[in-house]
PDB file of all heavy atoms in Angstrom:
ATOM      1  N   GLY A   1      -4.076 -13.723-163.348  1.00  0.00           N
ATOM      2  CA  GLY A   1      -3.638 -12.424-162.835  1.00  0.00           C
ATOM      3  C   GLY A   1      -4.799 -11.516-162.503  1.00  0.00           C
ATOM      4  O   GLY A   1      -4.629 -10.294-162.398  1.00  0.00           O
ATOM      5  N   LEU A   2      -5.984 -12.104-162.317  1.00  0.00           N
ATOM      6  CA  LEU A   2      -7.172 -11.326-161.999  1.00  0.00           C
ATOM      7  C   LEU A   2      -7.855 -11.830-160.731  1.00  0.00           C
ATOM      8  O   LEU A   2      -9.079 -11.757-160.595  1.00  0.00           O
ATOM      9  CB  LEU A   2      -8.176 -11.376-163.166  1.00  0.00           C
ATOM     10  CG  LEU A   2      -7.796 -10.601-164.427  1.00  0.00           C
ATOM     11  CD1 LEU A   2      -8.770 -10.909-165.553  1.00  0.00           C
ATOM     12  CD2 LEU A   2      -7.764  -9.096-164.147  1.00  0.00           C
ATOM     13  N   GLY A   3      -7.060 -12.356-159.808  1.00  0.00           N
ATOM     14  CA  GLY A   3      -7.623 -12.813-158.544  1.00  0.00           C
ATOM     15  C   GLY A   3      -8.101 -11.652-157.693  1.00  0.00           C
ATOM     16  O   GLY A   3      -7.813 -10.480-157.972  1.00  0.00           O
ATOM     17  N   PRO A   4      -8.856 -11.932-156.625  1.00  0.00           N
ATOM     18  CA  PRO A   4      -9.419 -10.863-155.789  1.00  0.00           C
ATOM     19  C   PRO A   4      -8.375  -9.903-155.242  1.00  0.00           C
ATOM     20  O   PRO A   4      -8.587  -8.686-155.236  1.00  0.00           O
ATOM     21  CB  PRO A   4     -10.103 -11.641-154.661  1.00  0.00           C
ATOM     22  CG  PRO A   4     -10.412 -12.974-155.248  1.00  0.00           C
ATOM     23  CD  PRO A   4      -9.293 -13.270-156.189  1.00  0.00           C
ATOM     24  N   GLU A   5      -7.257 -10.413-154.765  1.00  0.00           N
ATOM     25  CA  GLU A   5      -6.249  -9.543-154.167  1.00  0.00           C
ATOM     26  C   GLU A   5      -5.729  -8.527-155.186  1.00  0.00           C
ATOM     27  O   GLU A   5      -5.609  -7.325-154.894  1.00  0.00           O
ATOM     28  CB  GLU A   5      -5.093 -10.382-153.617  1.00  0.00           C
ATOM     29  CG  GLU A   5      -4.052  -9.555-152.879  1.00  0.00           C
ATOM     30  CD  GLU A   5      -2.980 -10.424-152.247  1.00  0.00           C
ATOM     31  OE1 GLU A   5      -3.194 -11.655-152.136  1.00  0.00           O
ATOM     32  OE2 GLU A   5      -1.935  -9.866-151.866  1.00  0.00           O
ATOM     33  N   THR A   6      -5.430  -9.002-156.398  1.00  0.00           N
ATOM     34  CA  THR A   6      -4.934  -8.101-157.446  1.00  0.00           C
ATOM     35  C   THR A   6      -5.985  -7.077-157.827  1.00  0.00           C
ATOM     36  O   THR A   6      -5.714  -5.871-157.923  1.00  0.00           O
ATOM     37  CB  THR A   6      -4.527  -8.913-158.686  1.00  0.00           C
ATOM     38  OG1 THR A   6      -3.509  -9.837-158.337  1.00  0.00           O
ATOM     39  CG2 THR A   6      -4.036  -7.996-159.794  1.00  0.00           C
ATOM     40  N   CYS A   7      -7.197  -7.542-158.061  1.00  0.00           N
ATOM     41  CA  CYS A   7      -8.263  -6.638-158.503  1.00  0.00           C
ATOM     42  C   CYS A   7      -8.616  -5.616-157.437  1.00  0.00           C
ATOM     43  O   CYS A   7      -8.803  -4.427-157.732  1.00  0.00           O
ATOM     44  CB  CYS A   7      -9.504  -7.444-158.881  1.00  0.00           C
ATOM     45  SG  CYS A   7      -9.291  -8.484-160.346  1.00  0.00           S
ATOM     46  N   MET A   8      -8.687  -6.046-156.187  1.00  0.00           N
ATOM     47  CA  MET A   8      -9.088  -5.129-155.123  1.00  0.00           C
ATOM     48  C   MET A   8      -7.973  -4.175-154.733  1.00  0.00           C
ATOM     49  O   MET A   8      -8.227  -3.143-154.117  1.00  0.00           O
ATOM     50  CB  MET A   8      -9.604  -5.933-153.932  1.00  0.00           C
ATOM     51  CG  MET A   8     -10.880  -6.706-154.286  1.00  0.00           C
ATOM     52  SD  MET A   8     -11.404  -7.958-153.095  1.00  0.00           S
ATOM     53  CE  MET A   8     -12.215  -6.926-151.881  1.00  0.00           C
ATOM     54  N   SER A   9      -6.728  -4.509-155.127  1.00  0.00           N
ATOM     55  CA  SER A   9      -5.650  -3.539-154.915  1.00  0.00           C
ATOM     56  C   SER A   9      -5.803  -2.354-155.865  1.00  0.00           C
ATOM     57  O   SER A   9      -5.352  -1.245-155.572  1.00  0.00           O
ATOM     58  CB  SER A   9      -4.285  -4.205-155.116  1.00  0.00           C
ATOM     59  OG  SER A   9      -4.073  -4.529-156.490  1.00  0.00           O
ATOM     60  N   ARG A  10      -6.457  -2.583-157.004  1.00  0.00           N
ATOM     61  CA  ARG A  10      -6.723  -1.502-157.961  1.00  0.00           C
ATOM     62  C   ARG A  10      -8.019  -0.765-157.643  1.00  0.00           C
ATOM     63  O   ARG A  10      -8.208   0.373-158.070  1.00  0.00           O
ATOM     64  CB  ARG A  10      -6.801  -2.083-159.381  1.00  0.00           C
ATOM     65  CG  ARG A  10      -5.534  -2.779-159.858  1.00  0.00           C
ATOM     66  CD  ARG A  10      -4.468  -1.809-160.273  1.00  0.00           C
ATOM     67  NE  ARG A  10      -4.762  -1.189-161.549  1.00  0.00           N
ATOM     68  CZ  ARG A  10      -4.222  -1.574-162.710  1.00  0.00           C
ATOM     69  NH1 ARG A  10      -3.374  -2.587-162.748  1.00  0.00           N
ATOM     70  NH2 ARG A  10      -4.510  -0.942-163.831  1.00  0.00           N
ATOM     71  N   ASN A  11      -8.904  -1.408-156.910  1.00  0.00           N
ATOM     72  CA  ASN A  11     -10.189  -0.803-156.571  1.00  0.00           C
ATOM     73  C   ASN A  11     -10.651  -1.380-155.237  1.00  0.00           C
ATOM     74  O   ASN A  11     -11.328  -2.408-155.187  1.00  0.00           O
ATOM     75  CB  ASN A  11     -11.213  -1.084-157.672  1.00  0.00           C
ATOM     76  CG  ASN A  11     -12.581  -0.498-157.364  1.00  0.00           C
ATOM     77  OD1 ASN A  11     -12.795   0.110-156.323  1.00  0.00           O
ATOM     78  ND2 ASN A  11     -13.523  -0.692-158.268  1.00  0.00           N
ATOM     79  N   PRO A  12     -10.294  -0.729-154.119  1.00  0.00           N
ATOM     80  CA  PRO A  12     -10.624  -1.274-152.788  1.00  0.00           C
ATOM     81  C   PRO A  12     -12.116  -1.422-152.540  1.00  0.00           C
ATOM     82  O   PRO A  12     -12.520  -2.197-151.667  1.00  0.00           O
ATOM     83  CB  PRO A  12     -10.004  -0.257-151.828  1.00  0.00           C
ATOM     84  CG  PRO A  12      -8.932   0.420-152.616  1.00  0.00           C
ATOM     85  CD  PRO A  12      -9.459   0.482-154.015  1.00  0.00           C
ATOM     86  N   ARG A  13     -12.947  -0.696-153.298  1.00  0.00           N
ATOM     87  CA  ARG A  13     -14.389  -0.793-153.104  1.00  0.00           C
ATOM     88  C   ARG A  13     -15.020  -1.925-153.922  1.00  0.00           C
ATOM     89  O   ARG A  13     -16.230  -2.164-153.842  1.00  0.00           O
ATOM     90  CB  ARG A  13     -15.061   0.524-153.512  1.00  0.00           C
ATOM     91  CG  ARG A  13     -14.692   1.717-152.648  1.00  0.00           C
ATOM     92  CD  ARG A  13     -15.244   3.006-153.257  1.00  0.00           C
ATOM     93  NE  ARG A  13     -16.700   2.935-153.408  1.00  0.00           N
ATOM     94  CZ  ARG A  13     -17.559   3.348-152.489  1.00  0.00           C
ATOM     95  NH1 ARG A  13     -17.106   3.859-151.351  1.00  0.00           N
ATOM     96  NH2 ARG A  13     -18.851   3.264-152.697  1.00  0.00           N
ATOM     97  N   LEU A  14     -14.203  -2.631-154.682  1.00  0.00           N
ATOM     98  CA  LEU A  14     -14.731  -3.626-155.603  1.00  0.00           C
ATOM     99  C   LEU A  14     -15.311  -4.829-154.864  1.00  0.00           C
ATOM    100  O   LEU A  14     -14.686  -5.398-153.988  1.00  0.00           O
ATOM    101  CB  LEU A  14     -13.614  -4.112-156.540  1.00  0.00           C
ATOM    102  CG  LEU A  14     -14.046  -5.109-157.615  1.00  0.00           C
ATOM    103  CD1 LEU A  14     -14.806  -4.399-158.729  1.00  0.00           C
ATOM    104  CD2 LEU A  14     -12.825  -5.831-158.192  1.00  0.00           C
ATOM    105  N   VAL A  15     -16.513  -5.219-155.249  1.00  0.00           N
ATOM    106  CA  VAL A  15     -17.099  -6.472-154.803  1.00  0.00           C
ATOM    107  C   VAL A  15     -16.736  -7.533-155.839  1.00  0.00           C
ATOM    108  O   VAL A  15     -16.903  -7.318-157.037  1.00  0.00           O
ATOM    109  CB  VAL A  15     -18.626  -6.355-154.665  1.00  0.00           C
ATOM    110  CG1 VAL A  15     -19.259  -7.724-154.433  1.00  0.00           C
ATOM    111  CG2 VAL A  15     -18.975  -5.400-153.525  1.00  0.00           C
ATOM    112  N   TYR A  16     -16.238  -8.666-155.363  1.00  0.00           N
ATOM    113  CA  TYR A  16     -15.720  -9.711-156.246  1.00  0.00           C
ATOM    114  C   TYR A  16     -16.595 -10.956-156.085  1.00  0.00           C
ATOM    115  O   TYR A  16     -16.502 -11.671-155.090  1.00  0.00           O
ATOM    116  CB  TYR A  16     -14.267 -10.013-155.865  1.00  0.00           C
ATOM    117  CG  TYR A  16     -13.472 -10.772-156.891  1.00  0.00           C
ATOM    118  CD1 TYR A  16     -12.476 -10.158-157.626  1.00  0.00           C
ATOM    119  CD2 TYR A  16     -13.705 -12.129-157.105  1.00  0.00           C
ATOM    120  CE1 TYR A  16     -11.722 -10.871-158.559  1.00  0.00           C
ATOM    121  CE2 TYR A  16     -12.960 -12.844-158.035  1.00  0.00           C
ATOM    122  CZ  TYR A  16     -11.984 -12.212-158.756  1.00  0.00           C
ATOM    123  OH  TYR A  16     -11.243 -12.922-159.668  1.00  0.00           O
ATOM    124  N   GLY A  17     -17.438 -11.221-157.074  1.00  0.00           N
ATOM    125  CA  GLY A  17     -18.346 -12.354-157.008  1.00  0.00           C
ATOM    126  C   GLY A  17     -17.755 -13.589-157.652  1.00  0.00           C
ATOM    127  O   GLY A  17     -17.295 -13.534-158.791  1.00  0.00           O
ATOM    128  N   ARG A  18     -17.789 -14.710-156.953  1.00  0.00           N
ATOM    129  CA  ARG A  18     -17.227 -15.959-157.438  1.00  0.00           C
ATOM    130  C   ARG A  18     -18.333 -17.023-157.482  1.00  0.00           C
ATOM    131  O   ARG A  18     -18.925 -17.360-156.460  1.00  0.00           O
ATOM    132  CB  ARG A  18     -16.087 -16.438-156.537  1.00  0.00           C
ATOM    133  CG  ARG A  18     -15.094 -15.339-156.162  1.00  0.00           C
ATOM    134  CD  ARG A  18     -13.750 -15.892-155.783  1.00  0.00           C
ATOM    135  NE  ARG A  18     -13.005 -16.274-156.992  1.00  0.00           N
ATOM    136  CZ  ARG A  18     -11.700 -16.553-156.991  1.00  0.00           C
ATOM    137  NH1 ARG A  18     -11.012 -16.510-155.860  1.00  0.00           N
ATOM    138  NH2 ARG A  18     -11.085 -16.872-158.108  1.00  0.00           N
ATOM    139  N   MET A  19     -18.598 -17.531-158.688  1.00  0.00           N
ATOM    140  CA  MET A  19     -19.592 -18.576-158.869  1.00  0.00           C
ATOM    141  C   MET A  19     -18.899 -19.890-159.199  1.00  0.00           C
ATOM    142  O   MET A  19     -18.163 -19.977-160.189  1.00  0.00           O
ATOM    143  CB  MET A  19     -20.543 -18.195-160.004  1.00  0.00           C
ATOM    144  CG  MET A  19     -21.423 -19.333-160.502  1.00  0.00           C
ATOM    145  SD  MET A  19     -22.505 -20.008-159.241  1.00  0.00           S
ATOM    146  CE  MET A  19     -23.455 -18.561-158.842  1.00  0.00           C
ATOM    147  N   THR A  20     -19.102 -20.874-158.351  1.00  0.00           N
ATOM    148  CA  THR A  20     -18.577 -22.217-158.607  1.00  0.00           C
ATOM    149  C   THR A  20     -19.676 -23.225-158.306  1.00  0.00           C
ATOM    150  O   THR A  20     -20.724 -22.884-157.757  1.00  0.00           O
ATOM    151  CB  THR A  20     -17.357 -22.535-157.725  1.00  0.00           C
ATOM    152  OG1 THR A  20     -17.755 -22.450-156.347  1.00  0.00           O
ATOM    153  CG2 THR A  20     -16.204 -21.590-157.990  1.00  0.00           C
ATOM    154  N   GLY A  21     -19.402 -24.483-158.646  1.00  0.00           N
ATOM    155  CA  GLY A  21     -20.354 -25.529-158.310  1.00  0.00           C
ATOM    156  C   GLY A  21     -20.228 -25.975-156.879  1.00  0.00           C
ATOM    157  O   GLY A  21     -21.206 -26.043-156.138  1.00  0.00           O
ATOM    158  N   TRP A  22     -18.974 -26.252-156.465  1.00  0.00           N
ATOM    159  CA  TRP A  22     -18.744 -26.850-155.147  1.00  0.00           C
ATOM    160  C   TRP A  22     -18.316 -25.850-154.090  1.00  0.00           C
ATOM    161  O   TRP A  22     -18.304 -26.181-152.903  1.00  0.00           O
ATOM    162  CB  TRP A  22     -17.657 -27.921-155.260  1.00  0.00           C
ATOM    163  CG  TRP A  22     -17.878 -28.952-156.312  1.00  0.00           C
ATOM    164  CD1 TRP A  22     -17.152 -29.134-157.457  1.00  0.00           C
ATOM    165  CD2 TRP A  22     -18.894 -29.965-156.348  1.00  0.00           C
ATOM    166  NE1 TRP A  22     -17.640 -30.189-158.195  1.00  0.00           N
ATOM    167  CE2 TRP A  22     -18.715 -30.721-157.542  1.00  0.00           C
ATOM    168  CE3 TRP A  22     -19.942 -30.311-155.484  1.00  0.00           C
ATOM    169  CZ2 TRP A  22     -19.527 -31.795-157.877  1.00  0.00           C
ATOM    170  CZ3 TRP A  22     -20.758 -31.375-155.831  1.00  0.00           C
ATOM    171  CH2 TRP A  22     -20.556 -32.098-157.006  1.00  0.00           C
ATOM    172  N   GLY A  23     -17.935 -24.640-154.491  1.00  0.00           N
ATOM    173  CA  GLY A  23     -17.410 -23.665-153.538  1.00  0.00           C
ATOM    174  C   GLY A  23     -15.919 -23.495-153.704  1.00  0.00           C
ATOM    175  O   GLY A  23     -15.254 -24.250-154.425  1.00  0.00           O
ATOM    176  N   GLN A  24     -15.367 -22.513-153.017  1.00  0.00           N
ATOM    177  CA  GLN A  24     -13.944 -22.209-153.125  1.00  0.00           C
ATOM    178  C   GLN A  24     -13.075 -23.144-152.301  1.00  0.00           C
ATOM    179  O   GLN A  24     -11.865 -23.204-152.493  1.00  0.00           O
ATOM    180  CB  GLN A  24     -13.692 -20.761-152.678  1.00  0.00           C
ATOM    181  CG  GLN A  24     -14.348 -19.714-153.557  1.00  0.00           C
ATOM    182  CD  GLN A  24     -13.783 -19.694-154.963  1.00  0.00           C
ATOM    183  OE1 GLN A  24     -12.567 -19.789-155.156  1.00  0.00           O
ATOM    184  NE2 GLN A  24     -14.653 -19.581-155.952  1.00  0.00           N
ATOM    185  N   THR A  25     -13.677 -23.877-151.362  1.00  0.00           N
ATOM    186  CA  THR A  25     -12.917 -24.783-150.502  1.00  0.00           C
ATOM    187  C   THR A  25     -13.622 -26.126-150.442  1.00  0.00           C
ATOM    188  O   THR A  25     -14.743 -26.280-150.919  1.00  0.00           O
ATOM    189  CB  THR A  25     -12.783 -24.214-149.080  1.00  0.00           C
ATOM    190  OG1 THR A  25     -14.106 -24.010-148.532  1.00  0.00           O
ATOM    191  CG2 THR A  25     -12.045 -22.882-149.088  1.00  0.00           C
ATOM    192  N   GLY A  26     -12.957 -27.111-149.829  1.00  0.00           N
ATOM    193  CA  GLY A  26     -13.546 -28.429-149.667  1.00  0.00           C
ATOM    194  C   GLY A  26     -12.941 -29.441-150.607  1.00  0.00           C
ATOM    195  O   GLY A  26     -12.299 -29.092-151.609  1.00  0.00           O
ATOM    196  N   PRO A  27     -13.123 -30.743-150.328  1.00  0.00           N
ATOM    197  CA  PRO A  27     -12.497 -31.800-151.125  1.00  0.00           C
ATOM    198  C   PRO A  27     -12.869 -31.784-152.598  1.00  0.00           C
ATOM    199  O   PRO A  27     -12.089 -32.243-153.440  1.00  0.00           O
ATOM    200  CB  PRO A  27     -13.004 -33.091-150.454  1.00  0.00           C
ATOM    201  CG  PRO A  27     -13.449 -32.693-149.098  1.00  0.00           C
ATOM    202  CD  PRO A  27     -13.898 -31.280-149.189  1.00  0.00           C
ATOM    203  N   LEU A  28     -14.056 -31.268-152.931  1.00  0.00           N
ATOM    204  CA  LEU A  28     -14.508 -31.272-154.322  1.00  0.00           C
ATOM    205  C   LEU A  28     -14.274 -29.947-155.033  1.00  0.00           C
ATOM    206  O   LEU A  28     -14.649 -29.806-156.201  1.00  0.00           O
ATOM    207  CB  LEU A  28     -16.003 -31.612-154.384  1.00  0.00           C
ATOM    208  CG  LEU A  28     -16.409 -33.005-153.917  1.00  0.00           C
ATOM    209  CD1 LEU A  28     -17.927 -33.151-153.954  1.00  0.00           C
ATOM    210  CD2 LEU A  28     -15.753 -34.081-154.770  1.00  0.00           C
ATOM    211  N   ALA A  29     -13.671 -28.984-154.365  1.00  0.00           N
ATOM    212  CA  ALA A  29     -13.576 -27.624-154.908  1.00  0.00           C
ATOM    213  C   ALA A  29     -12.972 -27.585-156.309  1.00  0.00           C
ATOM    214  O   ALA A  29     -13.410 -26.804-157.157  1.00  0.00           O
ATOM    215  CB  ALA A  29     -12.776 -26.727-153.960  1.00  0.00           C
ATOM    216  N   GLY A  30     -11.986 -28.419-156.574  1.00  0.00           N
ATOM    217  CA  GLY A  30     -11.322 -28.385-157.865  1.00  0.00           C
ATOM    218  C   GLY A  30     -11.890 -29.326-158.901  1.00  0.00           C
ATOM    219  O   GLY A  30     -11.394 -29.375-160.029  1.00  0.00           O
ATOM    220  N   LYS A  31     -12.942 -30.060-158.540  1.00  0.00           N
ATOM    221  CA  LYS A  31     -13.506 -31.052-159.446  1.00  0.00           C
ATOM    222  C   LYS A  31     -14.479 -30.407-160.427  1.00  0.00           C
ATOM    223  O   LYS A  31     -15.156 -29.432-160.129  1.00  0.00           O
ATOM    224  CB  LYS A  31     -14.256 -32.128-158.654  1.00  0.00           C
ATOM    225  CG  LYS A  31     -13.369 -32.981-157.770  1.00  0.00           C
ATOM    226  CD  LYS A  31     -12.644 -34.047-158.564  1.00  0.00           C
ATOM    227  CE  LYS A  31     -13.592 -35.134-159.020  1.00  0.00           C
ATOM    228  NZ  LYS A  31     -12.894 -36.212-159.746  1.00  0.00           N
ATOM    229  N   ALA A  32     -14.563 -31.010-161.624  1.00  0.00           N
ATOM    230  CA  ALA A  32     -15.559 -30.571-162.596  1.00  0.00           C
ATOM    231  C   ALA A  32     -16.948 -31.021-162.149  1.00  0.00           C
ATOM    232  O   ALA A  32     -17.095 -31.962-161.373  1.00  0.00           O
ATOM    233  CB  ALA A  32     -15.243 -31.150-163.974  1.00  0.00           C
ATOM    234  N   GLY A  33     -17.955 -30.352-162.644  1.00  0.00           N
ATOM    235  CA  GLY A  33     -19.325 -30.722-162.309  1.00  0.00           C
ATOM    236  C   GLY A  33     -20.310 -29.834-163.040  1.00  0.00           C
ATOM    237  O   GLY A  33     -19.945 -28.765-163.547  1.00  0.00           O
ATOM    238  N   HIS A  34     -21.554 -30.293-163.105  1.00  0.00           N
ATOM    239  CA  HIS A  34     -22.635 -29.507-163.676  1.00  0.00           C
ATOM    240  C   HIS A  34     -23.855 -29.632-162.774  1.00  0.00           C
ATOM    241  O   HIS A  34     -23.840 -30.352-161.767  1.00  0.00           O
ATOM    242  CB  HIS A  34     -22.941 -29.956-165.107  1.00  0.00           C
ATOM    243  CG  HIS A  34     -21.937 -29.484-166.108  1.00  0.00           C
ATOM    244  ND1 HIS A  34     -21.760 -28.148-166.410  1.00  0.00           N
ATOM    245  CD2 HIS A  34     -21.035 -30.162-166.870  1.00  0.00           C
ATOM    246  CE1 HIS A  34     -20.810 -28.022-167.324  1.00  0.00           C
ATOM    247  NE2 HIS A  34     -20.345 -29.231-167.611  1.00  0.00           N
ATOM    248  N   ASP A  35     -24.910 -28.953-163.159  1.00  0.00           N
ATOM    249  CA  ASP A  35     -26.115 -28.860-162.338  1.00  0.00           C
ATOM    250  C   ASP A  35     -26.525 -30.194-161.705  1.00  0.00           C
ATOM    251  O   ASP A  35     -26.770 -30.242-160.496  1.00  0.00           O
ATOM    252  CB  ASP A  35     -27.252 -28.280-163.198  1.00  0.00           C
ATOM    253  CG  ASP A  35     -28.573 -28.177-162.472  1.00  0.00           C
ATOM    254  OD1 ASP A  35     -29.193 -29.221-162.200  1.00  0.00           O
ATOM    255  OD2 ASP A  35     -29.010 -27.052-162.196  1.00  0.00           O
ATOM    256  N   PRO A  36     -26.628 -31.300-162.459  1.00  0.00           N
ATOM    257  CA  PRO A  36     -27.081 -32.549-161.822  1.00  0.00           C
ATOM    258  C   PRO A  36     -26.179 -33.005-160.690  1.00  0.00           C
ATOM    259  O   PRO A  36     -26.656 -33.568-159.693  1.00  0.00           O
ATOM    260  CB  PRO A  36     -27.077 -33.570-162.969  1.00  0.00           C
ATOM    261  CG  PRO A  36     -27.130 -32.757-164.219  1.00  0.00           C
ATOM    262  CD  PRO A  36     -26.384 -31.492-163.906  1.00  0.00           C
ATOM    263  N   ASN A  37     -24.870 -32.766-160.828  1.00  0.00           N
ATOM    264  CA  ASN A  37     -23.939 -33.187-159.794  1.00  0.00           C
ATOM    265  C   ASN A  37     -24.163 -32.413-158.506  1.00  0.00           C
ATOM    266  O   ASN A  37     -24.135 -32.975-157.406  1.00  0.00           O
ATOM    267  CB  ASN A  37     -22.503 -32.991-160.270  1.00  0.00           C
ATOM    268  CG  ASN A  37     -22.245 -33.600-161.630  1.00  0.00           C
ATOM    269  OD1 ASN A  37     -22.006 -32.889-162.597  1.00  0.00           O
ATOM    270  ND2 ASN A  37     -22.311 -34.917-161.734  1.00  0.00           N
ATOM    271  N   PHE A  38     -24.404 -31.113-158.641  1.00  0.00           N
ATOM    272  CA  PHE A  38     -24.549 -30.273-157.456  1.00  0.00           C
ATOM    273  C   PHE A  38     -25.862 -30.564-156.726  1.00  0.00           C
ATOM    274  O   PHE A  38     -25.886 -30.682-155.497  1.00  0.00           O
ATOM    275  CB  PHE A  38     -24.471 -28.793-157.844  1.00  0.00           C
ATOM    276  CG  PHE A  38     -23.303 -28.467-158.744  1.00  0.00           C
ATOM    277  CD1 PHE A  38     -23.455 -27.629-159.837  1.00  0.00           C
ATOM    278  CD2 PHE A  38     -22.057 -29.019-158.508  1.00  0.00           C
ATOM    279  CE1 PHE A  38     -22.398 -27.345-160.676  1.00  0.00           C
ATOM    280  CE2 PHE A  38     -20.973 -28.744-159.348  1.00  0.00           C
ATOM    281  CZ  PHE A  38     -21.155 -27.912-160.434  1.00  0.00           C
ATOM    282  N   ILE A  39     -26.962 -30.702-157.478  1.00  0.00           N
ATOM    283  CA  ILE A  39     -28.231 -30.951-156.795  1.00  0.00           C
ATOM    284  C   ILE A  39     -28.291 -32.375-156.254  1.00  0.00           C
ATOM    285  O   ILE A  39     -29.069 -32.654-155.333  1.00  0.00           O
ATOM    286  CB  ILE A  39     -29.440 -30.643-157.695  1.00  0.00           C
ATOM    287  CG1 ILE A  39     -29.543 -31.609-158.880  1.00  0.00           C
ATOM    288  CG2 ILE A  39     -29.382 -29.210-158.188  1.00  0.00           C
ATOM    289  CD1 ILE A  39     -30.826 -31.428-159.686  1.00  0.00           C
ATOM    290  N   ALA A  40     -27.452 -33.273-156.784  1.00  0.00           N
ATOM    291  CA  ALA A  40     -27.398 -34.630-156.238  1.00  0.00           C
ATOM    292  C   ALA A  40     -26.838 -34.604-154.821  1.00  0.00           C
ATOM    293  O   ALA A  40     -27.365 -35.266-153.915  1.00  0.00           O
ATOM    294  CB  ALA A  40     -26.553 -35.527-157.133  1.00  0.00           C
ATOM    295  N   LEU A  41     -25.766 -33.835-154.598  1.00  0.00           N
ATOM    296  CA  LEU A  41     -25.167 -33.763-153.274  1.00  0.00           C
ATOM    297  C   LEU A  41     -25.982 -32.923-152.307  1.00  0.00           C
ATOM    298  O   LEU A  41     -25.775 -32.978-151.095  1.00  0.00           O
ATOM    299  CB  LEU A  41     -23.739 -33.208-153.355  1.00  0.00           C
ATOM    300  CG  LEU A  41     -22.647 -34.281-153.274  1.00  0.00           C
ATOM    301  CD1 LEU A  41     -22.662 -35.171-154.489  1.00  0.00           C
ATOM    302  CD2 LEU A  41     -21.280 -33.632-153.083  1.00  0.00           C
ATOM    303  N   ALA A  42     -26.916 -32.142-152.828  1.00  0.00           N
ATOM    304  CA  ALA A  42     -27.761 -31.299-151.969  1.00  0.00           C
ATOM    305  C   ALA A  42     -28.957 -32.057-151.413  1.00  0.00           C
ATOM    306  O   ALA A  42     -29.674 -31.530-150.556  1.00  0.00           O
ATOM    307  CB  ALA A  42     -28.240 -30.082-152.764  1.00  0.00           C
ATOM    308  N   GLY A  43     -29.214 -33.268-151.915  1.00  0.00           N
ATOM    309  CA  GLY A  43     -30.424 -33.977-151.519  1.00  0.00           C
ATOM    310  C   GLY A  43     -31.619 -33.603-152.360  1.00  0.00           C
ATOM    311  O   GLY A  43     -32.722 -34.122-152.153  1.00  0.00           O
ATOM    312  N   VAL A  44     -31.424 -32.705-153.328  1.00  0.00           N
ATOM    313  CA  VAL A  44     -32.531 -32.246-154.175  1.00  0.00           C
ATOM    314  C   VAL A  44     -32.936 -33.336-155.165  1.00  0.00           C
ATOM    315  O   VAL A  44     -34.121 -33.682-155.276  1.00  0.00           O
ATOM    316  CB  VAL A  44     -32.136 -30.962-154.931  1.00  0.00           C
ATOM    317  CG1 VAL A  44     -33.230 -30.563-155.909  1.00  0.00           C
ATOM    318  CG2 VAL A  44     -31.857 -29.824-153.958  1.00  0.00           C
ATOM    319  N   LEU A  45     -31.977 -33.868-155.898  1.00  0.00           N
ATOM    320  CA  LEU A  45     -32.293 -34.787-156.982  1.00  0.00           C
ATOM    321  C   LEU A  45     -32.997 -36.039-156.474  1.00  0.00           C
ATOM    322  O   LEU A  45     -33.945 -36.533-157.083  1.00  0.00           O
ATOM    323  CB  LEU A  45     -31.018 -35.150-157.744  1.00  0.00           C
ATOM    324  CG  LEU A  45     -31.198 -36.003-159.005  1.00  0.00           C
ATOM    325  CD1 LEU A  45     -32.150 -35.332-159.987  1.00  0.00           C
ATOM    326  CD2 LEU A  45     -29.849 -36.254-159.664  1.00  0.00           C
TER     327      LEU A  45
END
């Protein structure tokens, strides 16, 4: 009950920061992961 739409309806000036591993969209968006997984797909590792 604290998604961006709900929160910003209470404060239209609110900036809503979202930190995820894979992003809010894409085939992996809902998958678990940690630092090694993310840098592996980036070409870093």
